[in-house]
Amino acid sequence: MKFLITGLGNMGPDYEGTRHNIGFDVLNHLVSEKEGKFEVKRYGDVAQIKHRGKTLILLKPSTFMNLSGKAVRYWLEKEKIPIERSLVVTDDVALPLGTIRIKKKGSDGGHNGLADIIEKLGRSDFPRLRFGVGNEFPKGTQVNYVLGKWTDEEIPIIKPQIKKAADSILTFSFMGIEKAMNLYNNK
C-alpha cells in the first residue's frame, strides 16, 4: 500500500531553516531516520521509504510553495494513490509554536500552498499535518516572518516537535488518521 507525504516549502539555500520550510524539515528528518535518500524527479525531490509493509513516497515540491498543487496532483496520479492516503505537511501561523495538528480535511486557512493544492485537486478533503510556527510578528509582516529563519530561542522548541511530526506520519501510514489524530493532536 502506497502513501504520498508532501512537505511544503521552497527549494534553495535562501529558504533553508525558515519557518515556511517546516514541511521540508519534517520530511528530511523522516528520510534521515529511515536511511532513505531524496532524488531529483519531476516537480520535486522524491524519496521512497518503507514502514511496516507500507511504502511512503515523500515529496518536496520544486514548484515553490504557491504552486505546490501541480506537484501533488502529478504524484498522486502517477503513483495511483487515493486522496485519503496522502498527507500534506505545512507551516501554520494560527497555531502556537511547535503545536502539531492533524486534520482529515479543511480550508486553506490563508496558506497559499494549501490554496493551490485545493485548486489543482478540485477538493479540500485531503489529510494535512499543520505545524505551528507561532505568530509573533507585527501586523503586515507575516511574509517576512514565515520566510524568516528560526531564532535561537525557537530551535529547542521545534527540534523535538519535528521528530514528533515525523513519528505521526508513520502512525498515519500504519494505523490511520484517527489514531494519528488521537495520539498527536493537542499533545
C-alpha atoms as a PDB file:
ATOM      1  CA  MET A   1       0.000   0.000   0.000  1.00  0.00           C
ATOM      2  CA  LYS A   2       1.378   3.411  -1.031  1.00  0.00           C
ATOM      3  CA  PHE A   3       1.109   6.824   0.630  1.00  0.00           C
ATOM      4  CA  LEU A   4       2.112  10.252  -0.673  1.00  0.00           C
ATOM      5  CA  ILE A   5       3.546  12.522   2.004  1.00  0.00           C
ATOM      6  CA  THR A   6       4.158  16.067   0.762  1.00  0.00           C
ATOM      7  CA  GLY A   7       6.172  18.551   2.774  1.00  0.00           C
ATOM      8  CA  LEU A   8       5.599  22.131   1.728  1.00  0.00           C
ATOM      9  CA  GLY A   9       8.477  24.564   1.399  1.00  0.00           C
ATOM     10  CA  ASN A  10      10.663  26.398  -1.058  1.00  0.00           C
ATOM     11  CA  MET A  11      13.773  24.971  -2.716  1.00  0.00           C
ATOM     12  CA  GLY A  12      17.158  26.603  -2.404  1.00  0.00           C
ATOM     13  CA  PRO A  13      19.628  27.684   0.267  1.00  0.00           C
ATOM     14  CA  ASP A  14      17.881  31.031   0.851  1.00  0.00           C
ATOM     15  CA  TYR A  15      14.886  29.186   2.317  1.00  0.00           C
ATOM     16  CA  GLU A  16      16.679  26.567   4.425  1.00  0.00           C
ATOM     17  CA  GLY A  17      15.997  26.960   8.125  1.00  0.00           C
ATOM     18  CA  THR A  18      12.947  29.177   7.612  1.00  0.00           C
ATOM     19  CA  ARG A  19       9.571  28.731   9.285  1.00  0.00           C
ATOM     20  CA  HIS A  20       7.869  28.301   5.895  1.00  0.00           C
ATOM     21  CA  ASN A  21      10.057  25.246   5.162  1.00  0.00           C
ATOM     22  CA  ILE A  22       8.988  23.187   8.166  1.00  0.00           C
ATOM     23  CA  GLY A  23       7.337  20.675   5.797  1.00  0.00           C
ATOM     24  CA  PHE A  24      10.718  20.053   4.144  1.00  0.00           C
ATOM     25  CA  ASP A  25      12.381  19.811   7.582  1.00  0.00           C
ATOM     26  CA  VAL A  26       9.942  17.130   8.774  1.00  0.00           C
ATOM     27  CA  LEU A  27      10.453  15.054   5.613  1.00  0.00           C
ATOM     28  CA  ASN A  28      14.235  15.480   5.810  1.00  0.00           C
ATOM     29  CA  HIS A  29      14.132  14.145   9.371  1.00  0.00           C
ATOM     30  CA  LEU A  30      11.982  11.178   8.356  1.00  0.00           C
ATOM     31  CA  VAL A  31      14.215  10.265   5.407  1.00  0.00           C
ATOM     32  CA  SER A  32      17.307  10.527   7.586  1.00  0.00           C
ATOM     33  CA  GLU A  33      15.720   8.383  10.303  1.00  0.00           C
ATOM     34  CA  LYS A  34      14.746   5.700   7.781  1.00  0.00           C
ATOM     35  CA  GLU A  35      18.079   5.966   5.928  1.00  0.00           C
ATOM     36  CA  GLY A  36      16.383   6.976   2.696  1.00  0.00           C
ATOM     37  CA  LYS A  37      17.589   9.375   0.051  1.00  0.00           C
ATOM     38  CA  PHE A  38      15.934  12.150  -1.927  1.00  0.00           C
ATOM     39  CA  GLU A  39      16.372  12.173  -5.689  1.00  0.00           C
ATOM     40  CA  VAL A  40      15.557  14.980  -8.093  1.00  0.00           C
ATOM     41  CA  LYS A  41      12.449  13.907 -10.013  1.00  0.00           C
ATOM     42  CA  ARG A  42       9.656  15.612 -11.891  1.00  0.00           C
ATOM     43  CA  TYR A  43       8.234  18.562  -9.896  1.00  0.00           C
ATOM     44  CA  GLY A  44      10.346  17.884  -6.826  1.00  0.00           C
ATOM     45  CA  ASP A  45      12.744  15.915  -4.704  1.00  0.00           C
ATOM     46  CA  VAL A  46      11.313  12.469  -4.016  1.00  0.00           C
ATOM     47  CA  ALA A  47      12.301   9.712  -1.605  1.00  0.00           C
ATOM     48  CA  GLN A  48      10.716   6.336  -1.015  1.00  0.00           C
ATOM     49  CA  ILE A  49      10.807   4.666   2.383  1.00  0.00           C
ATOM     50  CA  LYS A  50       9.181   1.590   3.871  1.00  0.00           C
ATOM     51  CA  HIS A  51       7.413   1.349   7.212  1.00  0.00           C
ATOM     52  CA  ARG A  52       5.720  -1.811   8.452  1.00  0.00           C
ATOM     53  CA  GLY A  53       4.906  -3.050   4.969  1.00  0.00           C
ATOM     54  CA  LYS A  54       3.746   0.338   3.694  1.00  0.00           C
ATOM     55  CA  THR A  55       5.519   2.391   1.023  1.00  0.00           C
ATOM     56  CA  LEU A  56       5.766   6.116   1.704  1.00  0.00           C
ATOM     57  CA  ILE A  57       6.603   8.383  -1.202  1.00  0.00           C
ATOM     58  CA  LEU A  58       7.945  11.616   0.249  1.00  0.00           C
ATOM     59  CA  LEU A  59       7.696  14.704  -1.939  1.00  0.00           C
ATOM     60  CA  LYS A  60       9.327  18.102  -1.533  1.00  0.00           C
ATOM     61  CA  PRO A  61       7.845  20.093  -4.445  1.00  0.00           C
ATOM     62  CA  SER A  62      10.296  22.128  -6.519  1.00  0.00           C
ATOM     63  CA  THR A  63       7.451  24.262  -7.859  1.00  0.00           C
ATOM     64  CA  PHE A  64       7.781  26.753  -4.981  1.00  0.00           C
ATOM     65  CA  MET A  65       5.228  26.937  -2.219  1.00  0.00           C
ATOM     66  CA  ASN A  66       2.484  28.813  -4.040  1.00  0.00           C
ATOM     67  CA  LEU A  67       2.395  26.310  -6.934  1.00  0.00           C
ATOM     68  CA  SER A  68       2.575  23.079  -4.900  1.00  0.00           C
ATOM     69  CA  GLY A  69      -0.685  21.719  -6.324  1.00  0.00           C
ATOM     70  CA  LYS A  70       0.845  20.770  -9.671  1.00  0.00           C
ATOM     71  CA  ALA A  71       3.417  18.513  -7.970  1.00  0.00           C
ATOM     72  CA  VAL A  72       0.883  16.935  -5.594  1.00  0.00           C
ATOM     73  CA  ARG A  73      -1.584  16.204  -8.383  1.00  0.00           C
ATOM     74  CA  TYR A  74       1.145  14.738 -10.627  1.00  0.00           C
ATOM     75  CA  TRP A  75       2.490  12.348  -7.961  1.00  0.00           C
ATOM     76  CA  LEU A  76      -0.972  11.265  -6.772  1.00  0.00           C
ATOM     77  CA  GLU A  77      -1.891  10.382 -10.362  1.00  0.00           C
ATOM     78  CA  LYS A  78       1.479   8.856 -11.281  1.00  0.00           C
ATOM     79  CA  GLU A  79       1.514   6.558  -8.235  1.00  0.00           C
ATOM     80  CA  LYS A  80      -2.280   5.966  -8.300  1.00  0.00           C
ATOM     81  CA  ILE A  81      -2.631   6.987  -4.662  1.00  0.00           C
ATOM     82  CA  PRO A  82      -6.116   7.850  -3.382  1.00  0.00           C
ATOM     83  CA  ILE A  83      -6.504  11.229  -1.676  1.00  0.00           C
ATOM     84  CA  GLU A  84      -7.141   9.684   1.756  1.00  0.00           C
ATOM     85  CA  ARG A  85      -3.661   8.117   1.635  1.00  0.00           C
ATOM     86  CA  SER A  86      -1.962  11.460   1.090  1.00  0.00           C
ATOM     87  CA  LEU A  87      -0.777  13.857   3.767  1.00  0.00           C
ATOM     88  CA  VAL A  88       0.408  17.447   3.344  1.00  0.00           C
ATOM     89  CA  VAL A  89       2.815  18.820   5.973  1.00  0.00           C
ATOM     90  CA  THR A  90       2.668  22.603   6.247  1.00  0.00           C
ATOM     91  CA  ASP A  91       3.502  25.538   8.481  1.00  0.00           C
ATOM     92  CA  ASP A  92       0.652  27.314  10.265  1.00  0.00           C
ATOM     93  CA  VAL A  93       0.801  30.779  11.864  1.00  0.00           C
ATOM     94  CA  ALA A  94      -2.576  30.192  13.552  1.00  0.00           C
ATOM     95  CA  LEU A  95      -1.068  27.530  15.827  1.00  0.00           C
ATOM     96  CA  PRO A  96       1.297  28.155  18.741  1.00  0.00           C
ATOM     97  CA  LEU A  97       4.967  27.407  18.110  1.00  0.00           C
ATOM     98  CA  GLY A  98       5.630  23.669  17.898  1.00  0.00           C
ATOM     99  CA  THR A  99       1.979  22.585  18.007  1.00  0.00           C
ATOM    100  CA  ILE A 100       1.098  19.672  15.728  1.00  0.00           C
ATOM    101  CA  ARG A 101      -2.445  19.368  14.403  1.00  0.00           C
ATOM    102  CA  ILE A 102      -3.515  16.554  12.080  1.00  0.00           C
ATOM    103  CA  LYS A 103      -6.798  17.022  10.237  1.00  0.00           C
ATOM    104  CA  LYS A 104      -8.760  14.943   7.727  1.00  0.00           C
ATOM    105  CA  LYS A 105      -9.684  17.978   5.644  1.00  0.00           C
ATOM    106  CA  GLY A 106     -10.102  21.724   5.880  1.00  0.00           C
ATOM    107  CA  SER A 107      -9.775  25.084   4.222  1.00  0.00           C
ATOM    108  CA  ASP A 108      -6.531  26.668   3.087  1.00  0.00           C
ATOM    109  CA  GLY A 109      -6.530  28.857   6.214  1.00  0.00           C
ATOM    110  CA  GLY A 110      -4.915  31.642   4.202  1.00  0.00           C
ATOM    111  CA  HIS A 111      -1.961  29.406   3.249  1.00  0.00           C
ATOM    112  CA  ASN A 112      -1.095  29.854  -0.439  1.00  0.00           C
ATOM    113  CA  GLY A 113       0.453  26.393  -0.769  1.00  0.00           C
ATOM    114  CA  LEU A 114      -2.695  24.701   0.534  1.00  0.00           C
ATOM    115  CA  ALA A 115      -4.846  27.004  -1.613  1.00  0.00           C
ATOM    116  CA  ASP A 116      -3.009  25.888  -4.751  1.00  0.00           C
ATOM    117  CA  ILE A 117      -3.313  22.207  -3.825  1.00  0.00           C
ATOM    118  CA  ILE A 118      -7.055  22.639  -3.230  1.00  0.00           C
ATOM    119  CA  GLU A 119      -7.414  24.437  -6.563  1.00  0.00           C
ATOM    120  CA  LYS A 120      -5.389  21.867  -8.561  1.00  0.00           C
ATOM    121  CA  LEU A 121      -7.101  18.854  -6.945  1.00  0.00           C
ATOM    122  CA  GLY A 122     -10.537  20.481  -7.075  1.00  0.00           C
ATOM    123  CA  ARG A 123     -11.202  19.391  -3.492  1.00  0.00           C
ATOM    124  CA  SER A 124     -10.142  20.123   0.070  1.00  0.00           C
ATOM    125  CA  ASP A 125     -10.799  16.756   1.694  1.00  0.00           C
ATOM    126  CA  PHE A 126      -7.187  15.636   1.941  1.00  0.00           C
ATOM    127  CA  PRO A 127      -5.358  14.978   5.217  1.00  0.00           C
ATOM    128  CA  ARG A 128      -2.878  17.544   6.438  1.00  0.00           C
ATOM    129  CA  LEU A 129      -0.429  17.956   9.263  1.00  0.00           C
ATOM    130  CA  ARG A 130      -0.247  21.570  10.365  1.00  0.00           C
ATOM    131  CA  PHE A 131       2.897  22.549  12.276  1.00  0.00           C
ATOM    132  CA  GLY A 132       2.559  25.669  14.402  1.00  0.00           C
ATOM    133  CA  VAL A 133       5.173  28.342  13.756  1.00  0.00           C
ATOM    134  CA  GLY A 134       3.561  30.938  16.024  1.00  0.00           C
ATOM    135  CA  ASN A 135       2.527  34.442  15.105  1.00  0.00           C
ATOM    136  CA  GLU A 136       4.970  36.716  16.890  1.00  0.00           C
ATOM    137  CA  PHE A 137       5.042  39.354  14.183  1.00  0.00           C
ATOM    138  CA  PRO A 138       3.661  42.871  13.793  1.00  0.00           C
ATOM    139  CA  LYS A 139       0.655  43.379  11.542  1.00  0.00           C
ATOM    140  CA  GLY A 140       1.606  43.392   7.872  1.00  0.00           C
ATOM    141  CA  THR A 141       4.864  41.471   8.316  1.00  0.00           C
ATOM    142  CA  GLN A 142       3.628  37.876   8.043  1.00  0.00           C
ATOM    143  CA  VAL A 143       5.570  37.178   4.829  1.00  0.00           C
ATOM    144  CA  ASN A 144       8.839  38.306   6.405  1.00  0.00           C
ATOM    145  CA  TYR A 145       8.052  36.232   9.499  1.00  0.00           C
ATOM    146  CA  VAL A 146       7.352  32.934   7.729  1.00  0.00           C
ATOM    147  CA  LEU A 147      10.294  33.426   5.365  1.00  0.00           C
ATOM    148  CA  GLY A 148      12.499  34.294   8.351  1.00  0.00           C
ATOM    149  CA  LYS A 149      14.949  31.893   9.976  1.00  0.00           C
ATOM    150  CA  TRP A 150      14.191  30.158  13.274  1.00  0.00           C
ATOM    151  CA  THR A 151      15.587  32.056  16.246  1.00  0.00           C
ATOM    152  CA  ASP A 152      17.972  30.549  18.802  1.00  0.00           C
ATOM    153  CA  GLU A 153      15.075  30.533  21.282  1.00  0.00           C
ATOM    154  CA  GLU A 154      12.733  28.680  18.897  1.00  0.00           C
ATOM    155  CA  ILE A 155      15.090  25.886  17.820  1.00  0.00           C
ATOM    156  CA  PRO A 156      14.975  23.927  21.129  1.00  0.00           C
ATOM    157  CA  ILE A 157      11.158  24.049  20.942  1.00  0.00           C
ATOM    158  CA  ILE A 158      10.798  22.884  17.343  1.00  0.00           C
ATOM    159  CA  LYS A 159      13.540  20.213  17.168  1.00  0.00           C
ATOM    160  CA  PRO A 160      11.665  17.605  19.283  1.00  0.00           C
ATOM    161  CA  GLN A 161       8.407  18.539  17.532  1.00  0.00           C
ATOM    162  CA  ILE A 162       9.953  17.800  14.129  1.00  0.00           C
ATOM    163  CA  LYS A 163      10.673  14.264  15.361  1.00  0.00           C
ATOM    164  CA  LYS A 164       7.153  14.014  16.774  1.00  0.00           C
ATOM    165  CA  ALA A 165       5.688  15.173  13.435  1.00  0.00           C
ATOM    166  CA  ALA A 166       7.782  12.540  11.608  1.00  0.00           C
ATOM    167  CA  ASP A 167       6.553   9.883  14.049  1.00  0.00           C
ATOM    168  CA  SER A 168       2.961  10.987  13.454  1.00  0.00           C
ATOM    169  CA  ILE A 169       3.428  10.427   9.708  1.00  0.00           C
ATOM    170  CA  LEU A 170       4.490   6.839  10.360  1.00  0.00           C
ATOM    171  CA  THR A 171       1.469   6.368  12.637  1.00  0.00           C
ATOM    172  CA  PHE A 172      -0.800   7.839   9.944  1.00  0.00           C
ATOM    173  CA  SER A 173       0.532   5.366   7.363  1.00  0.00           C
ATOM    174  CA  PHE A 174       0.343   2.312   9.605  1.00  0.00           C
ATOM    175  CA  MET A 175      -2.620   2.920  11.925  1.00  0.00           C
ATOM    176  CA  GLY A 176      -4.711   5.517  10.088  1.00  0.00           C
ATOM    177  CA  ILE A 177      -5.599   9.144  10.542  1.00  0.00           C
ATOM    178  CA  GLU A 178      -7.915   8.691  13.536  1.00  0.00           C
ATOM    179  CA  LYS A 179      -5.174   7.044  15.592  1.00  0.00           C
ATOM    180  CA  ALA A 180      -2.637   9.671  14.489  1.00  0.00           C
ATOM    181  CA  MET A 181      -5.042  12.462  15.488  1.00  0.00           C
ATOM    182  CA  ASN A 182      -5.704  10.852  18.886  1.00  0.00           C
ATOM    183  CA  LEU A 183      -2.018  10.326  19.622  1.00  0.00           C
ATOM    184  CA  TYR A 184      -0.540  13.598  18.358  1.00  0.00           C
ATOM    185  CA  ASN A 185      -3.122  16.394  18.369  1.00  0.00           C
ATOM    186  CA  ASN A 186      -3.011  18.733  21.381  1.00  0.00           C
ATOM    187  CA  LYS A 187      -0.019  16.927  22.898  1.00  0.00           C
END
